[in-house]
Amino acid sequence: MSDILVAKDISKTYFDEAAKDDVVALTGLSLQVRAHEFVSVIGPSGCGKSTFLRIVAGLDRPTSGEILVSGRKVTGPGADRGMVFQEYALLPWKTTEANIEFGLRLKGMPKAERQAITQRFVDLVGLTGFETKYPHQLSGGMRQRAAVARVLANNPTVLLMDEPFAAVDAMTRQHLQEELTAITTQERTTVLFITHAIEEAVFLSDRVVALSGRPGRIVADLTIDLPRPRKWEAVVRDERFAAYRDQLTQSIHASGAPKVAS
């Protein structure tokens, strides 16, 4: 498979107003993500993983290096990259279906076509029957499902996710993780996923890239060989799951970084 996303020698330095000094967030980060691959980036708080995602999204610029998506240099936000944030970021005055079809409407897609696409993704993320509900009428998990559906409906080349399940309870988070693996496998989605939780990264991913403490640099790039579809009940009984988790934990600790969540 060809590389869809390529990060070449990314470094990022910014000025910290409080410290009145420059801070090096990332240094020499190079990474390739293949078509249909699910790659998670993990690391301790402050290691630059969310900064890296913002650079990929075009929301921030690297101090040096470049990002290529489908061979084209990233110079700003674009429809080829869809972003799901930690907060659900839905428009509160729009219903579930109106939120999901919002990007399609901006593209000028005919009504019948966008309604068909919207309903497909409503069904895919398990929100059938909640099409006319507003965000405040949905649970936190349902709001994030709607946010994922809104991004997927726009058919991005790469789905970018910044700790999207951090704000929900543990049981809901596991359920959403199982749903995400099923959806991205079915849709053959290319995903770059940011998390501080090692077990979440192993469960979701085809590869896990671990960053050191600041300045963030790659200290491990591990292929996850676990069968799909994945269910937590089965995965936690697989000896490989614990081995991957422990290997990633050791790699991060060996880099001198603070302990991250398992």
C-alpha atoms as a PDB file:
ATOM      1  CA  MET A   1       0.000   0.000   0.000  1.00  0.00           C
ATOM      2  CA  SER A   2       1.177   3.546  -0.748  1.00  0.00           C
ATOM      3  CA  ASP A   3       1.840   6.194   1.886  1.00  0.00           C
ATOM      4  CA  ILE A   4      -1.118   8.563   2.165  1.00  0.00           C
ATOM      5  CA  LEU A   5       0.336  10.739   4.921  1.00  0.00           C
ATOM      6  CA  VAL A   6       4.023  11.603   5.144  1.00  0.00           C
ATOM      7  CA  ALA A   7       5.620  13.746   7.849  1.00  0.00           C
ATOM      8  CA  LYS A   8       9.184  14.762   6.985  1.00  0.00           C
ATOM      9  CA  ASP A   9      11.532  15.883   9.776  1.00  0.00           C
ATOM     10  CA  ILE A  10       8.919  17.917  11.663  1.00  0.00           C
ATOM     11  CA  SER A  11      10.170  20.269  14.358  1.00  0.00           C
ATOM     12  CA  LYS A  12       8.188  22.860  16.266  1.00  0.00           C
ATOM     13  CA  THR A  13       9.419  25.631  18.540  1.00  0.00           C
ATOM     14  CA  TYR A  14       7.148  28.217  20.115  1.00  0.00           C
ATOM     15  CA  PHE A  15       7.575  31.111  22.529  1.00  0.00           C
ATOM     16  CA  ASP A  16       6.196  30.511  26.021  1.00  0.00           C
ATOM     17  CA  GLU A  17       4.812  33.819  27.292  1.00  0.00           C
ATOM     18  CA  ALA A  18       4.817  32.653  30.927  1.00  0.00           C
ATOM     19  CA  ALA A  19       8.406  31.413  30.864  1.00  0.00           C
ATOM     20  CA  LYS A  20       9.554  34.174  28.479  1.00  0.00           C
ATOM     21  CA  ASP A  21      11.554  31.614  26.567  1.00  0.00           C
ATOM     22  CA  ASP A  22      11.417  29.378  23.506  1.00  0.00           C
ATOM     23  CA  VAL A  23      10.039  25.854  23.972  1.00  0.00           C
ATOM     24  CA  VAL A  24      10.944  23.022  21.616  1.00  0.00           C
ATOM     25  CA  ALA A  25       7.808  20.883  21.343  1.00  0.00           C
ATOM     26  CA  LEU A  26       8.866  18.479  18.567  1.00  0.00           C
ATOM     27  CA  THR A  27      12.176  17.623  16.978  1.00  0.00           C
ATOM     28  CA  GLY A  28      13.002  15.617  13.863  1.00  0.00           C
ATOM     29  CA  LEU A  29       9.696  13.729  13.699  1.00  0.00           C
ATOM     30  CA  SER A  30       9.288  11.670  10.517  1.00  0.00           C
ATOM     31  CA  LEU A  31       6.333   9.335  10.010  1.00  0.00           C
ATOM     32  CA  GLN A  32       4.504   7.579   7.178  1.00  0.00           C
ATOM     33  CA  VAL A  33       0.903   6.345   7.288  1.00  0.00           C
ATOM     34  CA  ARG A  34      -0.269   3.928   4.594  1.00  0.00           C
ATOM     35  CA  ALA A  35      -3.696   3.857   2.975  1.00  0.00           C
ATOM     36  CA  HIS A  36      -6.366   2.290   5.223  1.00  0.00           C
ATOM     37  CA  GLU A  37      -3.942   2.144   8.171  1.00  0.00           C
ATOM     38  CA  PHE A  38      -4.927   3.074  11.733  1.00  0.00           C
ATOM     39  CA  VAL A  39      -1.935   4.691  13.450  1.00  0.00           C
ATOM     40  CA  SER A  40      -1.982   5.981  17.020  1.00  0.00           C
ATOM     41  CA  VAL A  41       0.524   8.420  18.485  1.00  0.00           C
ATOM     42  CA  ILE A  42       1.035   8.145  22.227  1.00  0.00           C
ATOM     43  CA  GLY A  43       3.221   9.863  24.769  1.00  0.00           C
ATOM     44  CA  PRO A  44       3.177  11.729  28.069  1.00  0.00           C
ATOM     45  CA  SER A  45       1.393  15.036  28.522  1.00  0.00           C
ATOM     46  CA  GLY A  46       3.273  17.883  26.891  1.00  0.00           C
ATOM     47  CA  CYS A  47       5.235  15.680  24.475  1.00  0.00           C
ATOM     48  CA  GLY A  48       3.818  17.455  21.408  1.00  0.00           C
ATOM     49  CA  LYS A  49       1.444  14.796  20.078  1.00  0.00           C
ATOM     50  CA  SER A  50      -1.540  17.151  19.788  1.00  0.00           C
ATOM     51  CA  THR A  51       0.759  19.813  18.337  1.00  0.00           C
ATOM     52  CA  PHE A  52       1.802  17.300  15.693  1.00  0.00           C
ATOM     53  CA  LEU A  53      -1.842  16.546  14.877  1.00  0.00           C
ATOM     54  CA  ARG A  54      -2.603  20.258  14.508  1.00  0.00           C
ATOM     55  CA  ILE A  55       0.323  20.559  12.103  1.00  0.00           C
ATOM     56  CA  VAL A  56      -1.041  17.648  10.056  1.00  0.00           C
ATOM     57  CA  ALA A  57      -4.477  19.301  10.099  1.00  0.00           C
ATOM     58  CA  GLY A  58      -2.982  22.559   8.832  1.00  0.00           C
ATOM     59  CA  LEU A  59      -4.076  24.421  11.966  1.00  0.00           C
ATOM     60  CA  ASP A  60      -0.464  25.092  12.947  1.00  0.00           C
ATOM     61  CA  ARG A  61       2.776  25.372  10.983  1.00  0.00           C
ATOM     62  CA  PRO A  62       5.995  23.493  11.719  1.00  0.00           C
ATOM     63  CA  THR A  63       9.167  25.434  12.427  1.00  0.00           C
ATOM     64  CA  SER A  64      10.870  23.088   9.984  1.00  0.00           C
ATOM     65  CA  GLY A  65       9.889  20.051   7.914  1.00  0.00           C
ATOM     66  CA  GLU A  66       6.757  19.379   5.889  1.00  0.00           C
ATOM     67  CA  ILE A  67       3.563  17.315   5.788  1.00  0.00           C
ATOM     68  CA  LEU A  68       2.371  15.640   2.584  1.00  0.00           C
ATOM     69  CA  VAL A  69      -1.099  14.162   2.074  1.00  0.00           C
ATOM     70  CA  SER A  70      -1.511  12.169  -1.144  1.00  0.00           C
ATOM     71  CA  GLY A  71       1.734  13.765  -2.335  1.00  0.00           C
ATOM     72  CA  ARG A  72       0.547  17.349  -1.800  1.00  0.00           C
ATOM     73  CA  LYS A  73       2.190  19.639   0.738  1.00  0.00           C
ATOM     74  CA  VAL A  74      -0.072  20.771   3.591  1.00  0.00           C
ATOM     75  CA  THR A  75      -0.168  24.568   3.845  1.00  0.00           C
ATOM     76  CA  GLY A  76      -3.451  24.937   5.745  1.00  0.00           C
ATOM     77  CA  PRO A  77      -6.715  23.160   6.556  1.00  0.00           C
ATOM     78  CA  GLY A  78      -8.283  21.156   3.743  1.00  0.00           C
ATOM     79  CA  ALA A  79     -11.152  18.805   2.939  1.00  0.00           C
ATOM     80  CA  ASP A  80      -8.684  15.927   2.544  1.00  0.00           C
ATOM     81  CA  ARG A  81      -8.261  15.919   6.342  1.00  0.00           C
ATOM     82  CA  GLY A  82     -11.197  15.541   8.725  1.00  0.00           C
ATOM     83  CA  MET A  83     -10.693  16.386  12.411  1.00  0.00           C
ATOM     84  CA  VAL A  84     -12.485  15.007  15.480  1.00  0.00           C
ATOM     85  CA  PHE A  85     -11.602  16.958  18.623  1.00  0.00           C
ATOM     86  CA  GLN A  86     -11.687  16.053  22.319  1.00  0.00           C
ATOM     87  CA  GLU A  87     -14.923  18.004  22.647  1.00  0.00           C
ATOM     88  CA  TYR A  88     -17.746  17.023  20.329  1.00  0.00           C
ATOM     89  CA  ALA A  89     -17.806  20.455  18.583  1.00  0.00           C
ATOM     90  CA  LEU A  90     -21.311  20.084  17.141  1.00  0.00           C
ATOM     91  CA  LEU A  91     -23.387  23.136  16.274  1.00  0.00           C
ATOM     92  CA  PRO A  92     -25.832  23.329  19.219  1.00  0.00           C
ATOM     93  CA  TRP A  93     -28.659  24.869  17.174  1.00  0.00           C
ATOM     94  CA  LYS A  94     -28.657  22.051  14.615  1.00  0.00           C
ATOM     95  CA  THR A  95     -30.095  18.550  14.870  1.00  0.00           C
ATOM     96  CA  THR A  96     -28.019  15.387  14.559  1.00  0.00           C
ATOM     97  CA  GLU A  97     -28.786  15.008  10.858  1.00  0.00           C
ATOM     98  CA  ALA A  98     -28.253  18.725  10.188  1.00  0.00           C
ATOM     99  CA  ASN A  99     -24.845  18.578  11.877  1.00  0.00           C
ATOM    100  CA  ILE A 100     -23.803  15.521   9.891  1.00  0.00           C
ATOM    101  CA  GLU A 101     -24.876  16.987   6.557  1.00  0.00           C
ATOM    102  CA  PHE A 102     -23.416  20.429   7.258  1.00  0.00           C
ATOM    103  CA  GLY A 103     -20.208  19.884   5.280  1.00  0.00           C
ATOM    104  CA  LEU A 104     -22.098  18.313   2.396  1.00  0.00           C
ATOM    105  CA  ARG A 105     -24.385  21.344   2.244  1.00  0.00           C
ATOM    106  CA  LEU A 106     -21.362  23.667   2.121  1.00  0.00           C
ATOM    107  CA  LYS A 107     -20.080  21.674  -0.857  1.00  0.00           C
ATOM    108  CA  GLY A 108     -23.341  22.381  -2.671  1.00  0.00           C
ATOM    109  CA  MET A 109     -24.323  18.714  -2.867  1.00  0.00           C
ATOM    110  CA  PRO A 110     -27.927  18.118  -4.070  1.00  0.00           C
ATOM    111  CA  LYS A 111     -30.438  17.562  -1.271  1.00  0.00           C
ATOM    112  CA  ALA A 112     -31.342  13.970  -2.143  1.00  0.00           C
ATOM    113  CA  GLU A 113     -27.708  12.911  -2.314  1.00  0.00           C
ATOM    114  CA  ARG A 114     -26.698  14.540   0.949  1.00  0.00           C
ATOM    115  CA  GLN A 115     -29.744  13.107   2.729  1.00  0.00           C
ATOM    116  CA  ALA A 116     -28.823   9.614   1.566  1.00  0.00           C
ATOM    117  CA  ILE A 117     -25.219  10.023   2.728  1.00  0.00           C
ATOM    118  CA  THR A 118     -26.313  11.515   6.042  1.00  0.00           C
ATOM    119  CA  GLN A 119     -28.710   8.665   6.768  1.00  0.00           C
ATOM    120  CA  ARG A 120     -26.034   6.106   5.893  1.00  0.00           C
ATOM    121  CA  PHE A 121     -23.669   7.528   8.484  1.00  0.00           C
ATOM    122  CA  VAL A 122     -26.430   8.025  11.056  1.00  0.00           C
ATOM    123  CA  ASP A 123     -27.092   4.306  10.759  1.00  0.00           C
ATOM    124  CA  LEU A 124     -23.385   3.425  10.706  1.00  0.00           C
ATOM    125  CA  VAL A 125     -22.653   5.117  14.047  1.00  0.00           C
ATOM    126  CA  GLY A 126     -25.807   3.806  15.713  1.00  0.00           C
ATOM    127  CA  LEU A 127     -27.824   7.026  15.910  1.00  0.00           C
ATOM    128  CA  THR A 128     -30.886   5.816  14.030  1.00  0.00           C
ATOM    129  CA  GLY A 129     -33.943   7.340  15.708  1.00  0.00           C
ATOM    130  CA  PHE A 130     -31.975  10.345  16.978  1.00  0.00           C
ATOM    131  CA  GLU A 131     -31.807  12.230  13.688  1.00  0.00           C
ATOM    132  CA  THR A 132     -33.959  15.130  14.922  1.00  0.00           C
ATOM    133  CA  LYS A 133     -32.404  15.436  18.376  1.00  0.00           C
ATOM    134  CA  TYR A 134     -30.227  18.412  19.307  1.00  0.00           C
ATOM    135  CA  PRO A 135     -26.783  17.986  20.912  1.00  0.00           C
ATOM    136  CA  HIS A 136     -28.058  18.840  24.402  1.00  0.00           C
ATOM    137  CA  GLN A 137     -30.529  15.940  24.071  1.00  0.00           C
ATOM    138  CA  LEU A 138     -27.758  13.408  23.410  1.00  0.00           C
ATOM    139  CA  SER A 139     -25.347  11.687  25.803  1.00  0.00           C
ATOM    140  CA  GLY A 140     -21.640  12.477  25.577  1.00  0.00           C
ATOM    141  CA  GLY A 141     -20.984   9.238  23.723  1.00  0.00           C
ATOM    142  CA  MET A 142     -23.766   9.921  21.226  1.00  0.00           C
ATOM    143  CA  ARG A 143     -22.458  13.432  20.592  1.00  0.00           C
ATOM    144  CA  GLN A 144     -19.034  12.030  19.743  1.00  0.00           C
ATOM    145  CA  ARG A 145     -20.633   9.469  17.420  1.00  0.00           C
ATOM    146  CA  ALA A 146     -22.357  12.337  15.632  1.00  0.00           C
ATOM    147  CA  ALA A 147     -19.050  14.208  15.402  1.00  0.00           C
ATOM    148  CA  VAL A 148     -17.358  11.152  13.880  1.00  0.00           C
ATOM    149  CA  ALA A 149     -20.251  10.690  11.433  1.00  0.00           C
ATOM    150  CA  ARG A 150     -20.054  14.346  10.370  1.00  0.00           C
ATOM    151  CA  VAL A 151     -16.366  13.976   9.501  1.00  0.00           C
ATOM    152  CA  LEU A 152     -16.745  10.607   7.759  1.00  0.00           C
ATOM    153  CA  ALA A 153     -19.680  11.870   5.678  1.00  0.00           C
ATOM    154  CA  ASN A 154     -17.270  14.329   4.030  1.00  0.00           C
ATOM    155  CA  ASN A 155     -15.084  11.411   2.895  1.00  0.00           C
ATOM    156  CA  PRO A 156     -11.693  12.772   4.000  1.00  0.00           C
ATOM    157  CA  THR A 157      -8.478  11.133   2.839  1.00  0.00           C
ATOM    158  CA  VAL A 158      -7.260  11.001   6.443  1.00  0.00           C
ATOM    159  CA  LEU A 159      -9.319  11.019   9.645  1.00  0.00           C
ATOM    160  CA  LEU A 160      -7.537  12.919  12.439  1.00  0.00           C
ATOM    161  CA  MET A 161      -8.666  12.248  16.017  1.00  0.00           C
ATOM    162  CA  ASP A 162      -7.397  14.112  19.082  1.00  0.00           C
ATOM    163  CA  GLU A 163      -8.241  12.047  22.190  1.00  0.00           C
ATOM    164  CA  PRO A 164     -11.912  11.936  21.151  1.00  0.00           C
ATOM    165  CA  PHE A 165     -13.050   9.660  23.998  1.00  0.00           C
ATOM    166  CA  ALA A 166     -11.215  11.366  26.865  1.00  0.00           C
ATOM    167  CA  ALA A 167     -14.330  13.101  28.202  1.00  0.00           C
ATOM    168  CA  VAL A 168     -16.623  10.043  28.453  1.00  0.00           C
ATOM    169  CA  ASP A 169     -16.850   7.439  31.202  1.00  0.00           C
ATOM    170  CA  ALA A 170     -14.817   4.219  31.048  1.00  0.00           C
ATOM    171  CA  MET A 171     -17.645   1.898  29.963  1.00  0.00           C
ATOM    172  CA  THR A 172     -18.826   4.263  27.226  1.00  0.00           C
ATOM    173  CA  ARG A 173     -15.233   4.746  26.100  1.00  0.00           C
ATOM    174  CA  GLN A 174     -14.714   1.007  25.612  1.00  0.00           C
ATOM    175  CA  HIS A 175     -17.959   0.740  23.663  1.00  0.00           C
ATOM    176  CA  LEU A 176     -16.994   3.668  21.430  1.00  0.00           C
ATOM    177  CA  GLN A 177     -13.550   2.144  20.868  1.00  0.00           C
ATOM    178  CA  GLU A 178     -15.143  -1.109  19.691  1.00  0.00           C
ATOM    179  CA  GLU A 179     -17.480   0.823  17.398  1.00  0.00           C
ATOM    180  CA  LEU A 180     -14.610   2.862  15.982  1.00  0.00           C
ATOM    181  CA  THR A 181     -12.601  -0.243  15.079  1.00  0.00           C
ATOM    182  CA  ALA A 182     -15.648  -1.713  13.332  1.00  0.00           C
ATOM    183  CA  ILE A 183     -16.487   1.489  11.435  1.00  0.00           C
ATOM    184  CA  THR A 184     -12.943   2.266  10.286  1.00  0.00           C
ATOM    185  CA  THR A 185     -12.398  -1.349   9.226  1.00  0.00           C
ATOM    186  CA  GLN A 186     -15.653  -1.371   7.251  1.00  0.00           C
ATOM    187  CA  GLU A 187     -14.986   2.028   5.664  1.00  0.00           C
ATOM    188  CA  ARG A 188     -11.264   1.319   5.125  1.00  0.00           C
ATOM    189  CA  THR A 189     -10.498   4.665   6.716  1.00  0.00           C
ATOM    190  CA  THR A 190      -6.955   6.000   7.115  1.00  0.00           C
ATOM    191  CA  VAL A 191      -6.686   7.244  10.711  1.00  0.00           C
ATOM    192  CA  LEU A 192      -4.148   9.217  12.744  1.00  0.00           C
ATOM    193  CA  PHE A 193      -5.259   8.976  16.373  1.00  0.00           C
ATOM    194  CA  ILE A 194      -3.804  10.857  19.348  1.00  0.00           C
ATOM    195  CA  THR A 195      -4.072   9.433  22.855  1.00  0.00           C
ATOM    196  CA  HIS A 196      -2.164   9.321  26.132  1.00  0.00           C
ATOM    197  CA  ALA A 197      -3.610   5.874  26.967  1.00  0.00           C
ATOM    198  CA  ILE A 198      -1.392   2.983  25.879  1.00  0.00           C
ATOM    199  CA  GLU A 199      -4.099   0.303  26.103  1.00  0.00           C
ATOM    200  CA  GLU A 200      -6.486   2.378  23.985  1.00  0.00           C
ATOM    201  CA  ALA A 201      -3.776   2.795  21.347  1.00  0.00           C
ATOM    202  CA  VAL A 202      -2.985  -0.923  21.224  1.00  0.00           C
ATOM    203  CA  PHE A 203      -6.648  -1.888  21.046  1.00  0.00           C
ATOM    204  CA  LEU A 204      -7.472   0.477  18.186  1.00  0.00           C
ATOM    205  CA  SER A 205      -4.393   0.459  16.032  1.00  0.00           C
ATOM    206  CA  ASP A 206      -2.498  -1.267  13.265  1.00  0.00           C
ATOM    207  CA  ARG A 207       0.594   0.636  14.437  1.00  0.00           C
ATOM    208  CA  VAL A 208       1.450   2.605  17.558  1.00  0.00           C
ATOM    209  CA  VAL A 209       4.083   5.340  17.489  1.00  0.00           C
ATOM    210  CA  ALA A 210       5.411   6.412  20.889  1.00  0.00           C
ATOM    211  CA  LEU A 211       6.928   9.838  21.552  1.00  0.00           C
ATOM    212  CA  SER A 212       9.409  10.784  24.237  1.00  0.00           C
ATOM    213  CA  GLY A 213       8.852  13.619  26.665  1.00  0.00           C
ATOM    214  CA  ARG A 214       9.391  17.144  25.343  1.00  0.00           C
ATOM    215  CA  PRO A 215      10.810  17.693  22.877  1.00  0.00           C
ATOM    216  CA  GLY A 216       8.778  14.905  21.307  1.00  0.00           C
ATOM    217  CA  ARG A 217      10.682  12.437  19.177  1.00  0.00           C
ATOM    218  CA  ILE A 218       9.796   8.905  18.103  1.00  0.00           C
ATOM    219  CA  VAL A 219      11.106   6.261  20.508  1.00  0.00           C
ATOM    220  CA  ALA A 220       9.011   3.298  19.250  1.00  0.00           C
ATOM    221  CA  ASP A 221       7.054   2.354  16.128  1.00  0.00           C
ATOM    222  CA  LEU A 222       5.265  -0.904  16.819  1.00  0.00           C
ATOM    223  CA  THR A 223       3.067  -2.976  14.493  1.00  0.00           C
ATOM    224  CA  ILE A 224       0.004  -4.394  16.300  1.00  0.00           C
ATOM    225  CA  ASP A 225      -0.827  -7.884  15.059  1.00  0.00           C
ATOM    226  CA  LEU A 226      -4.262  -8.505  16.568  1.00  0.00           C
ATOM    227  CA  PRO A 227      -7.266  -9.810  14.590  1.00  0.00           C
ATOM    228  CA  ARG A 228     -10.181  -7.599  13.620  1.00  0.00           C
ATOM    229  CA  PRO A 229     -12.953  -6.935  14.467  1.00  0.00           C
ATOM    230  CA  ARG A 230     -11.820  -6.326  18.031  1.00  0.00           C
ATOM    231  CA  LYS A 231     -13.746  -6.694  21.259  1.00  0.00           C
ATOM    232  CA  TRP A 232     -12.250  -5.819  24.611  1.00  0.00           C
ATOM    233  CA  GLU A 233     -13.337  -9.088  26.224  1.00  0.00           C
ATOM    234  CA  ALA A 234     -11.294 -11.083  23.713  1.00  0.00           C
ATOM    235  CA  VAL A 235      -8.367  -8.705  23.234  1.00  0.00           C
ATOM    236  CA  VAL A 236      -7.435  -8.449  26.918  1.00  0.00           C
ATOM    237  CA  ARG A 237      -7.114 -12.251  27.040  1.00  0.00           C
ATOM    238  CA  ASP A 238      -4.638 -12.238  24.156  1.00  0.00           C
ATOM    239  CA  GLU A 239      -1.052 -12.476  25.425  1.00  0.00           C
ATOM    240  CA  ARG A 240       0.119 -10.232  22.591  1.00  0.00           C
ATOM    241  CA  PHE A 241      -1.987  -7.356  23.936  1.00  0.00           C
ATOM    242  CA  ALA A 242      -0.107  -7.301  27.250  1.00  0.00           C
ATOM    243  CA  ALA A 243       3.224  -7.715  25.447  1.00  0.00           C
ATOM    244  CA  TYR A 244       2.551  -4.724  23.179  1.00  0.00           C
ATOM    245  CA  ARG A 245       1.405  -2.599  26.122  1.00  0.00           C
ATOM    246  CA  ASP A 246       4.489  -3.455  28.166  1.00  0.00           C
ATOM    247  CA  GLN A 247       6.886  -2.877  25.262  1.00  0.00           C
ATOM    248  CA  LEU A 248       5.453   0.578  24.583  1.00  0.00           C
ATOM    249  CA  THR A 249       5.487   1.469  28.279  1.00  0.00           C
ATOM    250  CA  GLN A 250       9.139   0.474  28.564  1.00  0.00           C
ATOM    251  CA  SER A 251      10.066   2.461  25.443  1.00  0.00           C
ATOM    252  CA  ILE A 252       8.516   5.634  26.842  1.00  0.00           C
ATOM    253  CA  HIS A 253      10.025   5.162  30.298  1.00  0.00           C
ATOM    254  CA  ALA A 254      13.460   4.465  28.796  1.00  0.00           C
ATOM    255  CA  SER A 255      13.278   7.827  27.039  1.00  0.00           C
ATOM    256  CA  GLY A 256      13.113   9.543  30.417  1.00  0.00           C
ATOM    257  CA  ALA A 257       9.479  10.600  30.007  1.00  0.00           C
ATOM    258  CA  PRO A 258       6.994  10.664  32.885  1.00  0.00           C
ATOM    259  CA  LYS A 259       4.675   7.678  33.181  1.00  0.00           C
ATOM    260  CA  VAL A 260       1.646   7.679  30.866  1.00  0.00           C
ATOM    261  CA  ALA A 261      -1.709   6.014  31.394  1.00  0.00           C
ATOM    262  CA  SER A 262      -2.174   2.363  30.583  1.00  0.00           C
END
